[in-house]
Amino acid sequence: MDFKTNHTSLLRQGAPFDFQAAALALFRYQAQHTAVYRSYIKHLGLQAADVQALEQIPFLPIEFFKEQDVKTGDFTPEITFYSSGTTGQARSRHFVADLKLYHAITERTFEHFYGPLQEYVVLALLPSYLEQGGSSLVAMVDHFIQKTGQQEEGFHLRDHNKLLQALRQARRRGKKVLLIGVSYALLDLAEELKGQEDFSGVTVMETGGMKGRRREMIREELHAHLKKGFGVEAIHSEYGMTELLSQGYSKGEGIFRPGYSMRLLLRDLNDPFDLSPHHRSGGINVIDLGNVASCAFIETKDIGRMQEDGSFEVLGRFDNSDIRGCNLLVV
């Protein structure tokens, strides 16, 4: 079998594997076969053969997904995922060669943290993602809904009454309920309910983002509003993005744990090539083994804090302003 077949087989099977060995093998493959990444490495004056540790891998700035076709080899995408964006704003594109691989990774990752999907009814409030189209998050949630075999309607744009009816039916059938939604849509629902509906036992999961619909909030404020509105003890979160095929999950307090196919490294805020394993806060770089057909090594715009066990928090985002503003977040 060729490298891509072997690699995807590794991700599909349930057996443990050596993450570092898999990542280094994928790096050497993509350093040769991913044209944009190959050019980037050459521009940096690096030799792929000299890379012997994860911290030595060059990470591709995430902006390349807006400006270039990030593809490993030549293939016709089975599907293309697009980031959300306002009118006139360039959207990132992720060319996906194998949608079933994406589904396998999302399913295995979710079930590792939350148990079998067949035990759930999934209810989704993702209006902006549905309206713009091409969302990887919608593709993931749609797969989850199909796997549950649920009778209840899964996606709900703005009809909260139908969502509540589905919730009540799921409860009558003794099913666990996952309510997943973009932040502003969950806030809209929570404020409309005013604590009048029983959400005890429901896993309420936010995916981040006000999408210009509401005032931006820090996580603590957002979760406080949602906990009060839904009457739950914790708000769960999903960490993912268009440019990734892997996810991380938080079961509360904004502490994320990466899935089996993902690992994070932190870079110095002022030196993007300083990936010392001793960093406990800094810019987030992601290794996503699922990105075998694009680029598995991505320098994101997120700022994070990491614990020794590999769990992490997202503290904020880089922008084009003075970096000192980011430094204030990292304590």
Protein backbone atom coordinates (compact mmCIF):
# COMPACT_ATOMS: atom_id res chain seq x y z
CA MET A 1 0.00 0.00 0.00
CA ASP A 2 1.12 3.60 -0.59
CA PHE A 3 1.77 6.08 2.21
CA LYS A 4 -1.66 7.77 2.16
CA THR A 5 -3.46 4.43 2.31
CA ASN A 6 -1.32 3.25 5.22
CA HIS A 7 -1.76 6.54 7.06
CA THR A 8 -5.55 6.70 6.69
CA SER A 9 -5.79 3.05 7.74
CA LEU A 10 -3.89 3.97 10.91
CA LEU A 11 -6.44 6.69 11.70
CA ARG A 12 -9.46 4.52 11.00
CA GLN A 13 -8.48 1.60 13.22
CA GLY A 14 -8.98 1.72 16.96
CA ALA A 15 -5.52 0.52 18.01
CA PRO A 16 -3.11 2.93 19.72
CA PHE A 17 -0.22 4.25 17.63
CA ASP A 18 2.97 6.28 18.04
CA PHE A 19 1.81 9.87 17.39
CA GLN A 20 5.29 11.32 16.97
CA ALA A 21 6.37 8.66 14.51
CA ALA A 22 3.16 9.11 12.48
CA ALA A 23 3.55 12.90 12.49
CA LEU A 24 7.19 12.83 11.38
CA ALA A 25 6.39 10.35 8.60
CA LEU A 26 3.53 12.57 7.42
CA PHE A 27 5.78 15.63 7.57
CA ARG A 28 8.36 14.03 5.29
CA TYR A 29 5.62 12.98 2.89
CA GLN A 30 4.00 16.42 2.75
CA ALA A 31 7.35 18.21 2.54
CA GLN A 32 7.68 16.43 -0.79
CA HIS A 33 4.11 16.18 -2.11
CA THR A 34 2.27 19.29 -0.82
CA ALA A 35 3.35 21.98 -3.28
CA VAL A 36 2.55 25.03 -1.15
CA TYR A 37 4.14 23.51 1.94
CA ARG A 38 7.19 22.38 -0.03
CA SER A 39 7.68 25.92 -1.30
CA TYR A 40 7.24 27.33 2.19
CA ILE A 41 9.88 25.00 3.64
CA LYS A 42 12.26 25.88 0.81
CA HIS A 43 11.68 29.59 1.46
CA LEU A 44 12.65 29.04 5.10
CA GLY A 45 15.90 27.40 3.97
CA LEU A 46 15.12 24.15 5.79
CA GLN A 47 15.89 20.57 4.85
CA ALA A 48 13.15 18.06 5.65
CA ALA A 49 15.76 15.40 6.42
CA ASP A 50 17.07 17.53 9.30
CA VAL A 51 13.73 17.47 11.14
CA GLN A 52 13.87 14.81 13.86
CA ALA A 53 11.39 16.12 16.46
CA LEU A 54 7.91 17.66 16.46
CA GLU A 55 9.29 20.98 17.70
CA GLN A 56 11.51 21.23 14.60
CA ILE A 57 8.60 20.95 12.13
CA PRO A 58 7.76 24.20 10.28
CA PHE A 59 4.08 25.08 10.61
CA LEU A 60 2.18 26.62 7.71
CA PRO A 61 0.44 29.91 8.60
CA ILE A 62 -3.30 29.35 8.45
CA GLU A 63 -3.74 32.30 6.06
CA PHE A 64 -2.43 30.08 3.25
CA PHE A 65 -5.82 28.34 3.21
CA LYS A 66 -7.34 31.63 2.04
CA GLU A 67 -4.68 32.48 -0.51
CA GLN A 68 -3.48 29.15 -1.95
CA ASP A 69 -4.72 25.70 -2.93
CA VAL A 70 -3.35 23.63 -0.06
CA LYS A 71 -3.39 20.12 -1.53
CA THR A 72 -1.17 17.07 -1.18
CA GLY A 73 -0.75 15.76 -4.69
CA ASP A 74 -3.26 16.24 -7.47
CA PHE A 75 -6.83 15.15 -6.76
CA THR A 76 -10.41 16.23 -7.27
CA PRO A 77 -11.90 17.08 -3.85
CA GLU A 78 -14.83 15.00 -2.71
CA ILE A 79 -15.99 18.08 -0.83
CA THR A 80 -14.61 21.55 -0.12
CA PHE A 81 -15.14 23.10 3.29
CA TYR A 82 -15.35 26.89 3.58
CA SER A 83 -14.91 29.07 6.63
CA SER A 84 -17.63 31.48 7.68
CA GLY A 85 -17.07 35.10 6.66
CA THR A 86 -18.75 38.42 6.13
CA THR A 87 -19.56 39.81 2.67
CA GLY A 88 -16.40 40.61 0.75
CA GLN A 89 -14.17 38.71 3.15
CA ALA A 90 -12.00 35.92 1.78
CA ARG A 91 -13.05 32.51 3.10
CA SER A 92 -10.62 29.73 3.86
CA ARG A 93 -10.97 26.62 1.69
CA HIS A 94 -10.13 23.10 2.76
CA PHE A 95 -10.08 20.56 -0.05
CA VAL A 96 -11.11 17.17 1.35
CA ALA A 97 -10.15 14.06 -0.59
CA ASP A 98 -11.90 11.53 1.67
CA LEU A 99 -15.10 12.60 3.45
CA LYS A 100 -15.41 9.18 5.10
CA LEU A 101 -12.07 9.72 6.81
CA TYR A 102 -13.35 13.01 8.24
CA HIS A 103 -16.49 11.28 9.47
CA ALA A 104 -14.43 8.47 11.03
CA ILE A 105 -12.20 10.93 12.91
CA THR A 106 -15.11 13.06 14.16
CA GLU A 107 -17.08 10.02 15.27
CA ARG A 108 -14.21 8.30 17.04
CA THR A 109 -13.15 11.52 18.78
CA PHE A 110 -16.64 12.39 20.01
CA GLU A 111 -17.33 8.86 21.25
CA HIS A 112 -14.02 8.77 23.11
CA PHE A 113 -15.17 11.69 25.24
CA TYR A 114 -18.96 11.21 25.31
CA GLY A 115 -19.81 7.60 24.53
CA PRO A 116 -21.72 5.97 21.65
CA LEU A 117 -23.68 8.27 19.37
CA GLN A 118 -26.48 5.71 19.26
CA GLU A 119 -27.35 6.73 22.83
CA TYR A 120 -27.95 10.36 21.80
CA VAL A 121 -30.37 12.65 20.11
CA VAL A 122 -28.44 15.54 18.55
CA LEU A 123 -30.12 18.95 18.29
CA ALA A 124 -28.24 21.69 16.43
CA LEU A 125 -28.56 25.48 16.37
CA LEU A 126 -26.15 26.47 13.59
CA PRO A 127 -28.07 29.02 11.50
CA SER A 128 -25.17 31.05 10.10
CA TYR A 129 -23.24 27.92 9.12
CA LEU A 130 -26.26 26.43 7.37
CA GLU A 131 -27.02 29.66 5.53
CA GLN A 132 -23.49 30.19 4.18
CA GLY A 133 -22.95 26.56 3.19
CA GLY A 134 -19.80 24.49 2.93
CA SER A 135 -19.36 24.17 6.70
CA SER A 136 -17.20 21.39 8.13
CA LEU A 137 -19.11 21.76 11.41
CA VAL A 138 -22.44 21.15 9.69
CA ALA A 139 -20.95 18.11 7.93
CA MET A 140 -19.79 16.74 11.28
CA VAL A 141 -23.11 17.33 13.04
CA ASP A 142 -25.07 15.90 10.11
CA HIS A 143 -22.96 12.74 10.34
CA PHE A 144 -23.64 12.55 14.07
CA ILE A 145 -27.38 12.88 13.48
CA GLN A 146 -27.29 10.08 10.90
CA LYS A 147 -25.35 7.82 13.26
CA THR A 148 -27.82 8.31 16.12
CA GLY A 149 -30.67 6.98 14.00
CA GLN A 150 -32.86 9.50 15.83
CA GLN A 151 -36.50 10.10 14.98
CA GLU A 152 -36.30 13.75 15.98
CA GLU A 153 -35.37 16.53 13.58
CA GLY A 154 -31.76 17.53 14.20
CA PHE A 155 -31.15 20.93 12.63
CA HIS A 156 -33.20 23.89 13.81
CA LEU A 157 -32.66 27.31 12.26
CA ARG A 158 -34.72 29.63 14.43
CA ASP A 159 -37.79 27.56 15.31
CA HIS A 160 -37.22 27.11 19.02
CA ASN A 161 -40.63 25.52 19.55
CA LYS A 162 -39.76 22.60 17.26
CA LEU A 163 -36.44 22.21 19.01
CA LEU A 164 -38.15 22.01 22.40
CA GLN A 165 -40.62 19.48 21.04
CA ALA A 166 -37.71 17.33 19.84
CA LEU A 167 -36.04 17.69 23.25
CA ARG A 168 -39.15 16.51 25.07
CA GLN A 169 -39.62 13.58 22.70
CA ALA A 170 -36.01 12.51 23.21
CA ARG A 171 -36.50 12.63 26.98
CA ARG A 172 -39.62 10.47 26.72
CA ARG A 173 -37.59 7.91 24.78
CA GLY A 174 -34.90 7.89 27.45
CA LYS A 175 -32.20 9.29 25.17
CA LYS A 176 -29.25 11.46 26.06
CA VAL A 177 -29.45 14.87 24.42
CA LEU A 178 -26.63 16.89 22.87
CA LEU A 179 -27.55 20.50 22.07
CA ILE A 180 -24.77 21.96 19.96
CA GLY A 181 -24.85 25.50 18.69
CA VAL A 182 -23.01 28.64 17.71
CA SER A 183 -22.73 30.97 20.70
CA TYR A 184 -25.17 33.69 19.64
CA ALA A 185 -27.88 31.17 18.74
CA LEU A 186 -27.59 29.44 22.12
CA LEU A 187 -27.79 32.82 23.86
CA ASP A 188 -30.93 33.67 21.88
CA LEU A 189 -32.54 30.41 22.99
CA ALA A 190 -31.43 30.75 26.61
CA GLU A 191 -32.82 34.29 26.85
CA GLU A 192 -36.11 33.25 25.29
CA LEU A 193 -36.53 30.31 27.70
CA LYS A 194 -35.83 32.35 30.85
CA GLY A 195 -35.30 29.12 32.77
CA GLN A 196 -38.78 27.77 31.99
CA GLU A 197 -37.63 24.57 30.25
CA ASP A 198 -35.86 21.69 31.99
CA PHE A 199 -32.42 21.15 30.46
CA SER A 200 -31.02 19.11 33.32
CA GLY A 201 -28.90 16.28 31.96
CA VAL A 202 -28.61 17.91 28.52
CA THR A 203 -25.09 18.37 27.17
CA VAL A 204 -25.08 21.99 26.02
CA MET A 205 -22.10 22.55 23.73
CA GLU A 206 -21.02 25.87 22.22
CA THR A 207 -18.81 26.09 19.16
CA GLY A 208 -17.80 29.72 19.67
CA GLY A 209 -18.46 32.75 17.56
CA MET A 210 -20.92 35.62 17.63
CA LYS A 211 -20.55 36.05 13.83
CA GLY A 212 -21.26 39.75 14.20
CA ARG A 213 -24.76 39.03 15.54
CA ARG A 214 -24.09 39.94 19.18
CA ARG A 215 -21.50 41.59 21.39
CA GLU A 216 -18.36 39.50 21.78
CA MET A 217 -17.90 38.01 25.25
CA ILE A 218 -15.04 36.35 27.04
CA ARG A 219 -15.64 32.67 27.75
CA GLU A 220 -16.43 33.12 31.44
CA GLU A 221 -19.17 35.65 30.71
CA LEU A 222 -20.65 33.60 27.87
CA HIS A 223 -20.73 30.41 29.92
CA ALA A 224 -22.23 32.21 32.92
CA HIS A 225 -25.13 33.43 30.77
CA LEU A 226 -25.65 30.01 29.21
CA LYS A 227 -25.49 28.11 32.52
CA LYS A 228 -28.07 30.44 34.02
CA GLY A 229 -30.34 30.35 30.98
CA PHE A 230 -30.32 26.57 30.62
CA GLY A 231 -30.00 25.71 34.29
CA VAL A 232 -27.01 23.43 33.75
CA GLU A 233 -23.83 23.07 35.80
CA ALA A 234 -21.37 23.20 32.89
CA ILE A 235 -21.17 24.38 29.29
CA HIS A 236 -19.25 22.11 26.97
CA SER A 237 -17.23 23.38 24.01
CA GLU A 238 -15.84 22.06 20.74
CA TYR A 239 -12.50 23.19 19.32
CA GLY A 240 -12.30 22.84 15.58
CA MET A 241 -11.97 24.89 12.43
CA THR A 242 -12.39 24.70 8.68
CA GLU A 243 -8.71 24.01 8.18
CA LEU A 244 -8.72 21.00 10.52
CA LEU A 245 -10.30 17.55 10.27
CA SER A 246 -9.75 16.81 13.99
CA GLN A 247 -11.37 18.27 17.09
CA GLY A 248 -10.86 18.85 20.78
CA TYR A 249 -13.58 18.98 23.45
CA SER A 250 -14.11 20.71 26.75
CA LYS A 251 -16.52 19.41 29.37
CA GLY A 252 -16.45 22.69 31.25
CA GLU A 253 -14.37 25.67 32.35
CA GLY A 254 -12.88 25.99 28.87
CA ILE A 255 -10.34 23.19 29.43
CA PHE A 256 -9.99 21.32 26.13
CA ARG A 257 -8.54 17.90 25.48
CA PRO A 258 -7.41 17.12 21.94
CA GLY A 259 -8.68 14.10 20.05
CA TYR A 260 -6.46 11.12 19.23
CA SER A 261 -5.42 12.53 15.83
CA MET A 262 -4.52 16.00 17.10
CA ARG A 263 -1.71 17.48 19.15
CA LEU A 264 -0.91 21.07 20.05
CA LEU A 265 2.40 22.87 20.44
CA LEU A 266 2.82 26.43 21.62
CA ARG A 267 5.02 28.99 19.89
CA ASP A 268 6.56 32.10 21.40
CA LEU A 269 4.31 35.11 20.83
CA ASN A 270 7.16 37.12 19.35
CA ASP A 271 9.03 34.33 17.55
CA PRO A 272 6.81 31.96 15.52
CA PHE A 273 9.69 29.50 15.05
CA ASP A 274 10.33 29.06 18.77
CA LEU A 275 8.41 25.88 19.63
CA SER A 276 10.14 25.02 22.87
CA PRO A 277 8.28 22.25 24.73
CA HIS A 278 8.70 24.35 27.88
CA HIS A 279 6.22 27.00 26.70
CA ARG A 280 3.08 26.99 28.82
CA SER A 281 1.41 29.86 26.96
CA GLY A 282 1.72 31.26 23.45
CA GLY A 283 0.40 30.92 19.93
CA ILE A 284 -1.31 27.61 19.15
CA ASN A 285 0.19 25.35 16.49
CA VAL A 286 -1.78 22.24 15.58
CA ILE A 287 -0.66 18.89 14.25
CA ASP A 288 -3.70 17.28 12.64
CA LEU A 289 -2.96 13.80 11.33
CA GLY A 290 -6.31 13.86 9.54
CA ASN A 291 -5.02 16.49 7.13
CA VAL A 292 -3.18 13.96 5.00
CA ALA A 293 -4.55 15.53 1.79
CA SER A 294 -3.86 19.17 2.75
CA CYS A 295 -1.31 20.20 5.39
CA ALA A 296 -1.12 18.59 8.82
CA PHE A 297 1.01 21.32 10.41
CA ILE A 298 -0.83 24.59 10.94
CA GLU A 299 0.09 27.81 12.70
CA THR A 300 -3.28 29.11 13.93
CA LYS A 301 -4.28 32.62 15.03
CA ASP A 302 -5.30 31.37 18.48
CA ILE A 303 -3.45 32.09 21.71
CA GLY A 304 -3.52 29.40 24.35
CA ARG A 305 -2.27 28.01 27.61
CA MET A 306 -1.25 24.36 27.95
CA GLN A 307 -1.07 21.96 30.87
CA GLU A 308 1.49 19.20 31.25
CA ASP A 309 -1.14 16.55 30.44
CA GLY A 310 -1.75 18.10 27.00
CA SER A 311 -5.04 19.79 27.87
CA PHE A 312 -5.30 23.43 26.85
CA GLU A 313 -7.25 26.68 27.09
CA VAL A 314 -7.92 29.19 24.33
CA LEU A 315 -7.18 32.67 25.66
CA GLY A 316 -7.78 34.82 22.61
CA ARG A 317 -6.66 35.49 19.06
CA PHE A 318 -3.88 37.26 17.25
CA ASP A 319 -4.81 40.14 15.01
CA ASN A 320 -2.85 42.79 13.15
CA SER A 321 -2.58 45.06 16.16
CA ASP A 322 0.36 45.48 18.51
CA ILE A 323 1.36 42.07 19.88
CA ARG A 324 1.53 43.55 23.38
CA GLY A 325 -2.24 43.32 23.55
CA CYS A 326 -1.92 39.55 23.25
CA ASN A 327 0.75 39.42 25.90
CA LEU A 328 -1.69 40.85 28.41
CA LEU A 329 -3.81 37.71 28.05
CA VAL A 330 -1.01 35.33 28.89
CA VAL A 331 -0.37 35.10 32.61
